[in-house]
PDB file of N, CA and C in Angstrom:
ATOM      1  N   GLN A   1      33.981 -64.685   6.250  1.00  0.00           N
ATOM      2  CA  GLN A   1      32.832 -64.047   5.828  1.00  0.00           C
ATOM      3  C   GLN A   1      32.852 -63.292   4.612  1.00  0.00           C
ATOM      4  N   VAL A   2      32.036 -63.423   4.106  1.00  0.00           N
ATOM      5  CA  VAL A   2      31.758 -62.432   2.739  1.00  0.00           C
ATOM      6  C   VAL A   2      32.117 -61.303   2.571  1.00  0.00           C
ATOM      7  N   GLN A   3      33.094 -61.423   1.558  1.00  0.00           N
ATOM      8  CA  GLN A   3      33.311 -59.912   1.516  1.00  0.00           C
ATOM      9  C   GLN A   3      32.954 -59.145   0.196  1.00  0.00           C
ATOM     10  N   LEU A   4      32.378 -58.359  -0.107  1.00  0.00           N
ATOM     11  CA  LEU A   4      31.862 -57.492  -1.534  1.00  0.00           C
ATOM     12  C   LEU A   4      33.384 -56.281  -2.141  1.00  0.00           C
ATOM     13  N   VAL A   5      34.390 -56.333  -3.534  1.00  0.00           N
ATOM     14  CA  VAL A   5      34.175 -55.152  -3.623  1.00  0.00           C
ATOM     15  C   VAL A   5      34.081 -55.134  -5.136  1.00  0.00           C
ATOM     16  N   GLU A   6      33.563 -53.704  -5.367  1.00  0.00           N
ATOM     17  CA  GLU A   6      33.153 -53.053  -6.261  1.00  0.00           C
ATOM     18  C   GLU A   6      34.259 -52.242  -7.042  1.00  0.00           C
ATOM     19  N   SER A   7      33.611 -52.172  -8.486  1.00  0.00           N
ATOM     20  CA  SER A   7      34.568 -51.327  -8.771  1.00  0.00           C
ATOM     21  C   SER A   7      33.371 -51.308 -10.531  1.00  0.00           C
ATOM     22  N   GLY A   8      33.793 -49.948 -11.259  1.00  0.00           N
ATOM     23  CA  GLY A   8      33.327 -49.268 -12.562  1.00  0.00           C
ATOM     24  C   GLY A   8      32.530 -48.242 -12.739  1.00  0.00           C
ATOM     25  N   GLY A   9      32.165 -47.647 -11.172  1.00  0.00           N
ATOM     26  CA  GLY A   9      31.544 -46.204 -10.953  1.00  0.00           C
ATOM     27  C   GLY A   9      32.249 -45.195 -11.474  1.00  0.00           C
ATOM     28  N   GLY A  10      31.696 -44.095 -12.139  1.00  0.00           N
ATOM     29  CA  GLY A  10      31.941 -43.188 -12.556  1.00  0.00           C
ATOM     30  C   GLY A  10      31.283 -42.012 -13.127  1.00  0.00           C
ATOM     31  N   LEU A  11      31.698 -41.272 -14.004  1.00  0.00           N
ATOM     32  CA  LEU A  11      30.615 -39.599 -14.308  1.00  0.00           C
ATOM     33  C   LEU A  11      30.984 -40.057 -16.198  1.00  0.00           C
ATOM     34  N   VAL A  12      29.439 -40.001 -16.127  1.00  0.00           N
ATOM     35  CA  VAL A  12      29.322 -40.430 -17.509  1.00  0.00           C
ATOM     36  C   VAL A  12      27.820 -39.138 -17.922  1.00  0.00           C
ATOM     37  N   GLN A  13      27.917 -39.099 -19.168  1.00  0.00           N
ATOM     38  CA  GLN A  13      26.737 -37.947 -19.577  1.00  0.00           C
ATOM     39  C   GLN A  13      25.496 -39.217 -20.375  1.00  0.00           C
ATOM     40  N   ALA A  14      24.262 -38.119 -19.683  1.00  0.00           N
ATOM     41  CA  ALA A  14      22.859 -39.139 -20.361  1.00  0.00           C
ATOM     42  C   ALA A  14      22.834 -39.449 -21.440  1.00  0.00           C
ATOM     43  N   GLY A  15      22.276 -41.138 -22.058  1.00  0.00           N
ATOM     44  CA  GLY A  15      23.086 -41.434 -22.785  1.00  0.00           C
ATOM     45  C   GLY A  15      23.779 -42.825 -22.567  1.00  0.00           C
ATOM     46  N   GLY A  16      24.761 -42.746 -21.757  1.00  0.00           N
ATOM     47  CA  GLY A  16      25.583 -43.097 -21.952  1.00  0.00           C
ATOM     48  C   GLY A  16      25.748 -44.612 -21.464  1.00  0.00           C
ATOM     49  N   SER A  17      26.408 -45.227 -20.773  1.00  0.00           N
ATOM     50  CA  SER A  17      26.847 -46.846 -20.590  1.00  0.00           C
ATOM     51  C   SER A  17      27.873 -46.607 -19.270  1.00  0.00           C
ATOM     52  N   LEU A  18      27.635 -47.312 -18.482  1.00  0.00           N
ATOM     53  CA  LEU A  18      28.420 -48.039 -17.437  1.00  0.00           C
ATOM     54  C   LEU A  18      28.638 -49.701 -16.931  1.00  0.00           C
ATOM     55  N   ARG A  19      29.476 -50.048 -16.920  1.00  0.00           N
ATOM     56  CA  ARG A  19      29.446 -51.998 -16.195  1.00  0.00           C
ATOM     57  C   ARG A  19      29.716 -51.858 -14.853  1.00  0.00           C
ATOM     58  N   LEU A  20      29.191 -51.629 -13.703  1.00  0.00           N
ATOM     59  CA  LEU A  20      29.289 -51.845 -12.130  1.00  0.00           C
ATOM     60  C   LEU A  20      30.221 -53.266 -12.256  1.00  0.00           C
ATOM     61  N   SER A  21      31.156 -53.875 -11.427  1.00  0.00           N
ATOM     62  CA  SER A  21      31.254 -54.920 -11.064  1.00  0.00           C
ATOM     63  C   SER A  21      31.676 -55.099  -9.854  1.00  0.00           C
ATOM     64  N   CYS A  22      31.134 -56.485  -9.095  1.00  0.00           N
ATOM     65  CA  CYS A  22      30.958 -56.606  -7.688  1.00  0.00           C
ATOM     66  C   CYS A  22      32.024 -58.331  -7.597  1.00  0.00           C
ATOM     67  N   ALA A  23      32.898 -58.024  -7.208  1.00  0.00           N
ATOM     68  CA  ALA A  23      33.556 -59.391  -6.697  1.00  0.00           C
ATOM     69  C   ALA A  23      33.735 -60.232  -5.172  1.00  0.00           C
ATOM     70  N   ALA A  24      33.090 -60.749  -5.032  1.00  0.00           N
ATOM     71  CA  ALA A  24      32.950 -61.506  -3.827  1.00  0.00           C
ATOM     72  C   ALA A  24      34.070 -62.398  -3.846  1.00  0.00           C
ATOM     73  N   SER A  25      34.438 -62.449  -2.520  1.00  0.00           N
ATOM     74  CA  SER A  25      34.742 -63.742  -1.339  1.00  0.00           C
ATOM     75  C   SER A  25      34.134 -64.966  -0.913  1.00  0.00           C
ATOM     76  N   GLY A  26      34.747 -66.076  -1.154  1.00  0.00           N
ATOM     77  CA  GLY A  26      33.638 -66.534  -0.559  1.00  0.00           C
ATOM     78  C   GLY A  26      32.757 -67.843  -1.519  1.00  0.00           C
ATOM     79  N   SER A  27      32.504 -69.025  -1.763  1.00  0.00           N
ATOM     80  CA  SER A  27      31.868 -70.238  -2.188  1.00  0.00           C
ATOM     81  C   SER A  27      30.366 -69.989  -2.217  1.00  0.00           C
ATOM     82  N   ILE A  28      30.131 -69.884  -0.845  1.00  0.00           N
ATOM     83  CA  ILE A  28      28.508 -69.931  -0.466  1.00  0.00           C
ATOM     84  C   ILE A  28      27.742 -68.959  -0.741  1.00  0.00           C
ATOM     85  N   PHE A  29      28.322 -67.558  -0.716  1.00  0.00           N
ATOM     86  CA  PHE A  29      27.582 -67.165  -1.082  1.00  0.00           C
ATOM     87  C   PHE A  29      27.157 -66.737  -2.466  1.00  0.00           C
ATOM     88  N   MET A  30      27.531 -67.664  -3.628  1.00  0.00           N
ATOM     89  CA  MET A  30      26.568 -67.796  -4.664  1.00  0.00           C
ATOM     90  C   MET A  30      25.453 -68.579  -4.677  1.00  0.00           C
ATOM     91  N   LEU A  31      25.315 -69.284  -3.586  1.00  0.00           N
ATOM     92  CA  LEU A  31      24.192 -69.874  -3.302  1.00  0.00           C
ATOM     93  C   LEU A  31      22.727 -69.085  -3.093  1.00  0.00           C
ATOM     94  N   ASN A  32      23.101 -68.020  -2.704  1.00  0.00           N
ATOM     95  CA  ASN A  32      22.521 -66.840  -2.303  1.00  0.00           C
ATOM     96  C   ASN A  32      22.128 -65.952  -3.409  1.00  0.00           C
ATOM     97  N   PRO A  33      20.843 -65.353  -3.693  1.00  0.00           N
ATOM     98  CA  PRO A  33      20.226 -64.113  -4.300  1.00  0.00           C
ATOM     99  C   PRO A  33      21.554 -62.772  -3.796  1.00  0.00           C
ATOM    100  N   MET A  34      21.908 -62.518  -4.936  1.00  0.00           N
ATOM    101  CA  MET A  34      22.589 -61.135  -4.921  1.00  0.00           C
ATOM    102  C   MET A  34      21.789 -60.512  -5.594  1.00  0.00           C
ATOM    103  N   GLY A  35      22.468 -58.807  -5.557  1.00  0.00           N
ATOM    104  CA  GLY A  35      21.558 -57.649  -5.654  1.00  0.00           C
ATOM    105  C   GLY A  35      22.343 -55.920  -5.686  1.00  0.00           C
ATOM    106  N   TRP A  36      21.763 -55.147  -6.766  1.00  0.00           N
ATOM    107  CA  TRP A  36      21.995 -53.702  -6.761  1.00  0.00           C
ATOM    108  C   TRP A  36      20.999 -53.847  -5.819  1.00  0.00           C
ATOM    109  N   TYR A  37      21.263 -52.166  -5.018  1.00  0.00           N
ATOM    110  CA  TYR A  37      20.931 -50.927  -4.580  1.00  0.00           C
ATOM    111  C   TYR A  37      21.381 -50.222  -5.054  1.00  0.00           C
ATOM    112  N   ARG A  38      20.396 -48.974  -4.663  1.00  0.00           N
ATOM    113  CA  ARG A  38      21.330 -47.339  -4.921  1.00  0.00           C
ATOM    114  C   ARG A  38      20.513 -46.208  -3.813  1.00  0.00           C
ATOM    115  N   GLN A  39      21.411 -45.488  -3.608  1.00  0.00           N
ATOM    116  CA  GLN A  39      20.846 -44.516  -2.782  1.00  0.00           C
ATOM    117  C   GLN A  39      21.223 -42.968  -2.990  1.00  0.00           C
ATOM    118  N   ALA A  40      20.810 -42.149  -3.318  1.00  0.00           N
ATOM    119  CA  ALA A  40      20.603 -40.324  -3.239  1.00  0.00           C
ATOM    120  C   ALA A  40      20.435 -40.042  -2.601  1.00  0.00           C
ATOM    121  N   PRO A  41      21.092 -38.949  -2.111  1.00  0.00           N
ATOM    122  CA  PRO A  41      21.143 -38.343  -0.748  1.00  0.00           C
ATOM    123  C   PRO A  41      19.580 -37.450  -1.082  1.00  0.00           C
ATOM    124  N   GLY A  42      19.228 -37.982   0.748  1.00  0.00           N
ATOM    125  CA  GLY A  42      18.090 -37.504   0.915  1.00  0.00           C
ATOM    126  C   GLY A  42      16.959 -38.927   0.706  1.00  0.00           C
ATOM    127  N   LYS A  43      17.605 -39.742   0.200  1.00  0.00           N
ATOM    128  CA  LYS A  43      16.328 -40.798   0.048  1.00  0.00           C
ATOM    129  C   LYS A  43      16.671 -42.020   0.529  1.00  0.00           C
ATOM    130  N   GLN A  44      15.748 -42.832   0.380  1.00  0.00           N
ATOM    131  CA  GLN A  44      15.510 -44.092   0.656  1.00  0.00           C
ATOM    132  C   GLN A  44      16.903 -45.114   0.122  1.00  0.00           C
ATOM    133  N   ARG A  45      17.743 -46.269   0.328  1.00  0.00           N
ATOM    134  CA  ARG A  45      17.950 -46.974  -0.667  1.00  0.00           C
ATOM    135  C   ARG A  45      16.759 -47.970  -1.172  1.00  0.00           C
ATOM    136  N   GLU A  46      17.045 -48.209  -2.526  1.00  0.00           N
ATOM    137  CA  GLU A  46      15.905 -48.679  -3.349  1.00  0.00           C
ATOM    138  C   GLU A  46      17.008 -50.225  -4.178  1.00  0.00           C
ATOM    139  N   LEU A  47      16.067 -50.937  -4.289  1.00  0.00           N
ATOM    140  CA  LEU A  47      16.187 -52.084  -5.030  1.00  0.00           C
ATOM    141  C   LEU A  47      16.769 -51.906  -6.624  1.00  0.00           C
ATOM    142  N   VAL A  48      17.460 -52.113  -7.285  1.00  0.00           N
ATOM    143  CA  VAL A  48      17.957 -51.864  -8.646  1.00  0.00           C
ATOM    144  C   VAL A  48      17.230 -53.165  -9.289  1.00  0.00           C
ATOM    145  N   ALA A  49      18.020 -54.160  -9.091  1.00  0.00           N
ATOM    146  CA  ALA A  49      17.462 -55.260  -9.121  1.00  0.00           C
ATOM    147  C   ALA A  49      18.491 -56.330  -8.664  1.00  0.00           C
ATOM    148  N   THR A  50      17.960 -58.005  -8.855  1.00  0.00           N
ATOM    149  CA  THR A  50      18.394 -58.826  -8.357  1.00  0.00           C
ATOM    150  C   THR A  50      18.395 -59.832  -8.898  1.00  0.00           C
ATOM    151  N   ILE A  51      18.857 -60.995  -8.451  1.00  0.00           N
ATOM    152  CA  ILE A  51      19.547 -62.563  -9.318  1.00  0.00           C
ATOM    153  C   ILE A  51      19.773 -63.520  -8.344  1.00  0.00           C
ATOM    154  N   ASN A  52      18.952 -64.638  -8.394  1.00  0.00           N
ATOM    155  CA  ASN A  52      18.908 -65.678  -7.896  1.00  0.00           C
ATOM    156  C   ASN A  52      19.921 -66.721  -8.447  1.00  0.00           C
ATOM    157  N   ILE A  53      19.938 -67.919  -7.597  1.00  0.00           N
ATOM    158  CA  ILE A  53      20.883 -69.393  -8.240  1.00  0.00           C
ATOM    159  C   ILE A  53      20.643 -69.706  -9.694  1.00  0.00           C
ATOM    160  N   SER A  54      19.220 -69.624  -9.628  1.00  0.00           N
ATOM    161  CA  SER A  54      18.998 -70.070 -11.290  1.00  0.00           C
ATOM    162  C   SER A  54      18.774 -69.156 -11.857  1.00  0.00           C
ATOM    163  N   SER A  55      19.702 -67.943 -11.727  1.00  0.00           N
ATOM    164  CA  SER A  55      19.873 -66.687 -13.236  1.00  0.00           C
ATOM    165  C   SER A  55      18.293 -65.899 -13.240  1.00  0.00           C
ATOM    166  N   SER A  56      17.031 -66.292 -12.412  1.00  0.00           N
ATOM    167  CA  SER A  56      16.153 -65.631 -12.257  1.00  0.00           C
ATOM    168  C   SER A  56      16.252 -64.443 -11.817  1.00  0.00           C
ATOM    169  N   THR A  57      15.519 -63.276 -12.817  1.00  0.00           N
ATOM    170  CA  THR A  57      16.132 -61.684 -12.169  1.00  0.00           C
ATOM    171  C   THR A  57      14.987 -61.168 -11.804  1.00  0.00           C
ATOM    172  N   ASN A  58      14.931 -59.817 -11.578  1.00  0.00           N
ATOM    173  CA  ASN A  58      14.432 -58.768 -10.647  1.00  0.00           C
ATOM    174  C   ASN A  58      14.340 -57.608 -10.706  1.00  0.00           C
ATOM    175  N   TYR A  59      14.034 -57.015 -11.687  1.00  0.00           N
ATOM    176  CA  TYR A  59      13.763 -55.418 -11.972  1.00  0.00           C
ATOM    177  C   TYR A  59      12.714 -54.037 -11.147  1.00  0.00           C
ATOM    178  N   ALA A  60      14.097 -52.954 -10.476  1.00  0.00           N
ATOM    179  CA  ALA A  60      12.740 -52.104 -10.387  1.00  0.00           C
ATOM    180  C   ALA A  60      11.866 -51.557 -11.534  1.00  0.00           C
ATOM    181  N   ASP A  61      10.955 -50.906 -11.904  1.00  0.00           N
ATOM    182  CA  ASP A  61      10.257 -50.260 -12.759  1.00  0.00           C
ATOM    183  C   ASP A  61      11.326 -49.506 -13.623  1.00  0.00           C
ATOM    184  N   SER A  62      11.815 -48.580 -12.520  1.00  0.00           N
ATOM    185  CA  SER A  62      12.538 -47.232 -13.127  1.00  0.00           C
ATOM    186  C   SER A  62      13.957 -47.912 -14.375  1.00  0.00           C
ATOM    187  N   VAL A  63      14.048 -49.038 -14.141  1.00  0.00           N
ATOM    188  CA  VAL A  63      15.166 -49.037 -14.709  1.00  0.00           C
ATOM    189  C   VAL A  63      14.886 -50.330 -16.085  1.00  0.00           C
ATOM    190  N   LYS A  64      13.673 -50.893 -15.648  1.00  0.00           N
ATOM    191  CA  LYS A  64      14.122 -52.284 -16.544  1.00  0.00           C
ATOM    192  C   LYS A  64      13.732 -52.039 -17.941  1.00  0.00           C
ATOM    193  N   GLY A  65      14.308 -52.515 -19.003  1.00  0.00           N
ATOM    194  CA  GLY A  65      14.604 -52.338 -20.344  1.00  0.00           C
ATOM    195  C   GLY A  65      16.188 -52.344 -20.628  1.00  0.00           C
ATOM    196  N   ARG A  66      16.588 -50.896 -19.406  1.00  0.00           N
ATOM    197  CA  ARG A  66      17.469 -50.383 -19.726  1.00  0.00           C
ATOM    198  C   ARG A  66      19.007 -50.618 -19.181  1.00  0.00           C
ATOM    199  N   PHE A  67      18.909 -51.558 -17.658  1.00  0.00           N
ATOM    200  CA  PHE A  67      20.002 -52.534 -16.821  1.00  0.00           C
ATOM    201  C   PHE A  67      19.663 -53.654 -16.965  1.00  0.00           C
ATOM    202  N   THR A  68      21.313 -54.298 -16.827  1.00  0.00           N
ATOM    203  CA  THR A  68      20.647 -55.301 -16.823  1.00  0.00           C
ATOM    204  C   THR A  68      21.679 -56.100 -15.909  1.00  0.00           C
ATOM    205  N   ILE A  69      21.422 -57.119 -14.584  1.00  0.00           N
ATOM    206  CA  ILE A  69      22.331 -57.572 -14.138  1.00  0.00           C
ATOM    207  C   ILE A  69      23.008 -59.203 -14.711  1.00  0.00           C
ATOM    208  N   SER A  70      23.574 -59.772 -14.390  1.00  0.00           N
ATOM    209  CA  SER A  70      24.309 -60.808 -14.776  1.00  0.00           C
ATOM    210  C   SER A  70      25.207 -61.260 -13.878  1.00  0.00           C
ATOM    211  N   ARG A  71      25.581 -62.749 -13.892  1.00  0.00           N
ATOM    212  CA  ARG A  71      27.228 -63.250 -12.902  1.00  0.00           C
ATOM    213  C   ARG A  71      27.608 -64.063 -13.677  1.00  0.00           C
ATOM    214  N   ASP A  72      28.985 -64.318 -13.033  1.00  0.00           N
ATOM    215  CA  ASP A  72      29.611 -64.930 -13.552  1.00  0.00           C
ATOM    216  C   ASP A  72      30.276 -65.739 -12.022  1.00  0.00           C
ATOM    217  N   ASN A  73      29.986 -67.071 -11.907  1.00  0.00           N
ATOM    218  CA  ASN A  73      29.855 -67.589 -10.792  1.00  0.00           C
ATOM    219  C   ASN A  73      31.361 -68.785 -11.021  1.00  0.00           C
ATOM    220  N   ALA A  74      32.154 -68.810 -11.697  1.00  0.00           N
ATOM    221  CA  ALA A  74      33.371 -68.754 -11.733  1.00  0.00           C
ATOM    222  C   ALA A  74      34.211 -67.743 -11.465  1.00  0.00           C
ATOM    223  N   LYS A  75      33.736 -66.801 -11.693  1.00  0.00           N
ATOM    224  CA  LYS A  75      34.722 -65.536 -11.116  1.00  0.00           C
ATOM    225  C   LYS A  75      34.569 -64.941  -9.953  1.00  0.00           C
ATOM    226  N   ASN A  76      33.306 -65.957  -9.457  1.00  0.00           N
ATOM    227  CA  ASN A  76      32.470 -65.178  -7.738  1.00  0.00           C
ATOM    228  C   ASN A  76      32.045 -63.660  -7.882  1.00  0.00           C
ATOM    229  N   THR A  77      31.590 -63.365  -9.568  1.00  0.00           N
ATOM    230  CA  THR A  77      31.474 -62.237  -9.808  1.00  0.00           C
ATOM    231  C   THR A  77      29.872 -61.553 -10.053  1.00  0.00           C
ATOM    232  N   VAL A  78      29.732 -60.526  -9.607  1.00  0.00           N
ATOM    233  CA  VAL A  78      28.109 -59.961 -10.426  1.00  0.00           C
ATOM    234  C   VAL A  78      28.361 -58.354 -11.382  1.00  0.00           C
ATOM    235  N   TYR A  79      27.314 -58.370 -12.161  1.00  0.00           N
ATOM    236  CA  TYR A  79      27.648 -57.471 -13.067  1.00  0.00           C
ATOM    237  C   TYR A  79      26.542 -56.480 -12.628  1.00  0.00           C
ATOM    238  N   LEU A  80      26.369 -55.404 -12.532  1.00  0.00           N
ATOM    239  CA  LEU A  80      25.301 -54.382 -13.565  1.00  0.00           C
ATOM    240  C   LEU A  80      26.018 -53.886 -14.770  1.00  0.00           C
ATOM    241  N   GLN A  81      24.848 -53.948 -16.104  1.00  0.00           N
ATOM    242  CA  GLN A  81      25.237 -53.277 -17.366  1.00  0.00           C
ATOM    243  C   GLN A  81      23.906 -52.219 -17.142  1.00  0.00           C
ATOM    244  N   MET A  82      24.216 -51.064 -17.251  1.00  0.00           N
ATOM    245  CA  MET A  82      23.424 -49.885 -17.899  1.00  0.00           C
ATOM    246  C   MET A  82      23.900 -48.833 -18.758  1.00  0.00           C
ATOM    247  N   ASN A  83      22.789 -49.280 -19.121  1.00  0.00           N
ATOM    248  CA  ASN A  83      22.535 -48.897 -20.720  1.00  0.00           C
ATOM    249  C   ASN A  83      21.311 -47.322 -20.704  1.00  0.00           C
ATOM    250  N   SER A  84      21.727 -46.357 -21.680  1.00  0.00           N
ATOM    251  CA  SER A  84      20.880 -45.399 -21.388  1.00  0.00           C
ATOM    252  C   SER A  84      20.504 -44.807 -20.519  1.00  0.00           C
ATOM    253  N   LEU A  85      21.579 -44.310 -20.136  1.00  0.00           N
ATOM    254  CA  LEU A  85      21.886 -43.699 -18.284  1.00  0.00           C
ATOM    255  C   LEU A  85      21.163 -42.385 -18.599  1.00  0.00           C
ATOM    256  N   LYS A  86      20.041 -41.976 -17.313  1.00  0.00           N
ATOM    257  CA  LYS A  86      19.932 -40.639 -17.517  1.00  0.00           C
ATOM    258  C   LYS A  86      20.234 -39.784 -16.060  1.00  0.00           C
ATOM    259  N   PRO A  87      19.987 -38.716 -15.854  1.00  0.00           N
ATOM    260  CA  PRO A  87      20.362 -38.140 -14.454  1.00  0.00           C
ATOM    261  C   PRO A  87      19.638 -38.685 -13.408  1.00  0.00           C
ATOM    262  N   GLU A  88      18.473 -38.667 -13.486  1.00  0.00           N
ATOM    263  CA  GLU A  88      18.426 -39.585 -12.119  1.00  0.00           C
ATOM    264  C   GLU A  88      18.588 -41.142 -11.581  1.00  0.00           C
ATOM    265  N   ASP A  89      19.768 -41.105 -12.473  1.00  0.00           N
ATOM    266  CA  ASP A  89      19.963 -42.850 -11.785  1.00  0.00           C
ATOM    267  C   ASP A  89      21.437 -42.014 -11.298  1.00  0.00           C
ATOM    268  N   THR A  90      21.585 -41.239 -11.341  1.00  0.00           N
ATOM    269  CA  THR A  90      23.083 -40.471 -10.468  1.00  0.00           C
ATOM    270  C   THR A  90      22.864 -41.250  -8.638  1.00  0.00           C
ATOM    271  N   ALA A  91      23.408 -41.952  -8.282  1.00  0.00           N
ATOM    272  CA  ALA A  91      23.326 -42.114  -6.835  1.00  0.00           C
ATOM    273  C   ALA A  91      23.986 -43.195  -6.568  1.00  0.00           C
ATOM    274  N   VAL A  92      24.753 -43.591  -5.130  1.00  0.00           N
ATOM    275  CA  VAL A  92      25.416 -44.069  -5.024  1.00  0.00           C
ATOM    276  C   VAL A  92      25.066 -45.973  -4.889  1.00  0.00           C
ATOM    277  N   TYR A  93      25.743 -46.133  -5.651  1.00  0.00           N
ATOM    278  CA  TYR A  93      25.092 -47.796  -5.738  1.00  0.00           C
ATOM    279  C   TYR A  93      26.217 -48.948  -5.102  1.00  0.00           C
ATOM    280  N   TYR A  94      25.016 -49.514  -3.917  1.00  0.00           N
ATOM    281  CA  TYR A  94      25.520 -50.695  -3.706  1.00  0.00           C
ATOM    282  C   TYR A  94      25.408 -52.256  -4.010  1.00  0.00           C
ATOM    283  N   CYS A  95      26.722 -53.197  -4.391  1.00  0.00           N
ATOM    284  CA  CYS A  95      26.465 -54.733  -4.381  1.00  0.00           C
ATOM    285  C   CYS A  95      25.838 -55.113  -3.024  1.00  0.00           C
ATOM    286  N   ALA A  96      25.103 -55.915  -3.122  1.00  0.00           N
ATOM    287  CA  ALA A  96      24.420 -56.990  -1.943  1.00  0.00           C
ATOM    288  C   ALA A  96      24.421 -57.988  -1.598  1.00  0.00           C
ATOM    289  N   TYR A  97      25.203 -59.283  -0.938  1.00  0.00           N
ATOM    290  CA  TYR A  97      24.442 -60.383  -0.820  1.00  0.00           C
ATOM    291  C   TYR A  97      23.386 -60.681   0.349  1.00  0.00           C
ATOM    292  N   ILE A  98      22.583 -61.717  -0.101  1.00  0.00           N
ATOM    293  CA  ILE A  98      21.540 -61.462   0.393  1.00  0.00           C
ATOM    294  C   ILE A  98      21.514 -62.880   1.256  1.00  0.00           C
ATOM    295  N   VAL A  99      21.470 -62.705   2.733  1.00  0.00           N
ATOM    296  CA  VAL A  99      22.046 -63.355   3.619  1.00  0.00           C
ATOM    297  C   VAL A  99      20.045 -64.214   3.728  1.00  0.00           C
ATOM    298  N   ALA A 100      19.291 -63.373   3.730  1.00  0.00           N
ATOM    299  CA  ALA A 100      17.579 -63.821   4.647  1.00  0.00           C
ATOM    300  C   ALA A 100      17.055 -62.706   3.795  1.00  0.00           C
ATOM    301  N   ALA A 101      16.270 -63.200   4.322  1.00  0.00           N
ATOM    302  CA  ALA A 101      15.117 -61.769   3.702  1.00  0.00           C
ATOM    303  C   ALA A 101      15.439 -60.598   4.939  1.00  0.00           C
ATOM    304  N   GLY A 102      15.619 -59.181   4.606  1.00  0.00           N
ATOM    305  CA  GLY A 102      16.191 -58.537   5.700  1.00  0.00           C
ATOM    306  C   GLY A 102      17.259 -58.040   5.911  1.00  0.00           C
ATOM    307  N   ARG A 103      17.999 -59.610   5.736  1.00  0.00           N
ATOM    308  CA  ARG A 103      19.381 -59.486   6.380  1.00  0.00           C
ATOM    309  C   ARG A 103      20.529 -59.008   5.205  1.00  0.00           C
ATOM    310  N   TYR A 104      21.586 -58.427   4.717  1.00  0.00           N
ATOM    311  CA  TYR A 104      22.166 -58.024   4.134  1.00  0.00           C
ATOM    312  C   TYR A 104      23.965 -57.418   4.280  1.00  0.00           C
ATOM    313  N   VAL A 105      24.749 -58.868   3.563  1.00  0.00           N
ATOM    314  CA  VAL A 105      25.889 -57.916   3.861  1.00  0.00           C
ATOM    315  C   VAL A 105      26.218 -56.714   2.510  1.00  0.00           C
ATOM    316  N   TRP A 106      26.783 -55.699   2.814  1.00  0.00           N
ATOM    317  CA  TRP A 106      26.896 -54.783   1.436  1.00  0.00           C
ATOM    318  C   TRP A 106      28.404 -54.515   0.987  1.00  0.00           C
ATOM    319  N   GLY A 107      28.411 -54.543  -0.306  1.00  0.00           N
ATOM    320  CA  GLY A 107      29.827 -53.336  -0.517  1.00  0.00           C
ATOM    321  C   GLY A 107      29.973 -52.423  -0.043  1.00  0.00           C
ATOM    322  N   GLN A 108      31.254 -51.911  -0.526  1.00  0.00           N
ATOM    323  CA  GLN A 108      31.618 -50.509   0.547  1.00  0.00           C
ATOM    324  C   GLN A 108      30.780 -49.454  -0.911  1.00  0.00           C
ATOM    325  N   GLY A 109      30.207 -49.401  -1.808  1.00  0.00           N
ATOM    326  CA  GLY A 109      29.357 -48.529  -2.670  1.00  0.00           C
ATOM    327  C   GLY A 109      30.141 -48.091  -3.393  1.00  0.00           C
ATOM    328  N   THR A 110      29.822 -47.681  -4.962  1.00  0.00           N
ATOM    329  CA  THR A 110      30.335 -46.770  -6.066  1.00  0.00           C
ATOM    330  C   THR A 110      29.653 -45.870  -6.578  1.00  0.00           C
ATOM    331  N   GLN A 111      29.727 -44.775  -6.492  1.00  0.00           N
ATOM    332  CA  GLN A 111      29.235 -43.738  -7.071  1.00  0.00           C
ATOM    333  C   GLN A 111      29.228 -43.543  -8.359  1.00  0.00           C
ATOM    334  N   VAL A 112      27.627 -43.549  -8.920  1.00  0.00           N
ATOM    335  CA  VAL A 112      27.568 -43.387 -10.270  1.00  0.00           C
ATOM    336  C   VAL A 112      26.900 -41.758 -10.200  1.00  0.00           C
ATOM    337  N   THR A 113      27.194 -40.730 -11.532  1.00  0.00           N
ATOM    338  CA  THR A 113      27.041 -39.628 -11.804  1.00  0.00           C
ATOM    339  C   THR A 113      26.774 -39.312 -13.100  1.00  0.00           C
ATOM    340  N   VAL A 114      25.645 -39.243 -13.693  1.00  0.00           N
ATOM    341  CA  VAL A 114      25.271 -38.878 -14.727  1.00  0.00           C
ATOM    342  C   VAL A 114      24.557 -37.599 -15.438  1.00  0.00           C
ATOM    343  N   SER A 115      25.324 -37.420 -15.831  1.00  0.00           N
ATOM    344  CA  SER A 115      25.182 -35.648 -16.223  1.00  0.00           C
ATOM    345  C   SER A 115      24.162 -35.051 -17.675  1.00  0.00           C
ATOM    346  N   SER A 116      23.487 -34.361 -17.676  1.00  0.00           N
ATOM    347  CA  SER A 116      22.608 -34.132 -18.962  1.00  0.00           C
ATOM    348  C   SER A 116      23.161 -32.895 -19.663  1.00  0.00           C
TER     349      SER A 116
END
């Protein structure tokens, strides 16, 4: 079974940067799209960014131009580079392996807190 291990979350001041990493076990998962999602207290989990096998990417409007999703297939790792962070970016960030539309394998989640 695919397993995802996340790292890189933490506390940062507004305007700063963080880089999240998601290391995956299993080779088949790299044929499927991967994504980053986030969830703040009292809110629905929302899409941040996705990347597919051809490296085509998609971003939420709220992070476009500030966040970059990328992958290193040799390391079975997906990254989320977050720049110009804002307090409203504060949330638990989840890595996801997209099995099919509406079906996901989730990482454990990592807390990102942006202070003003």
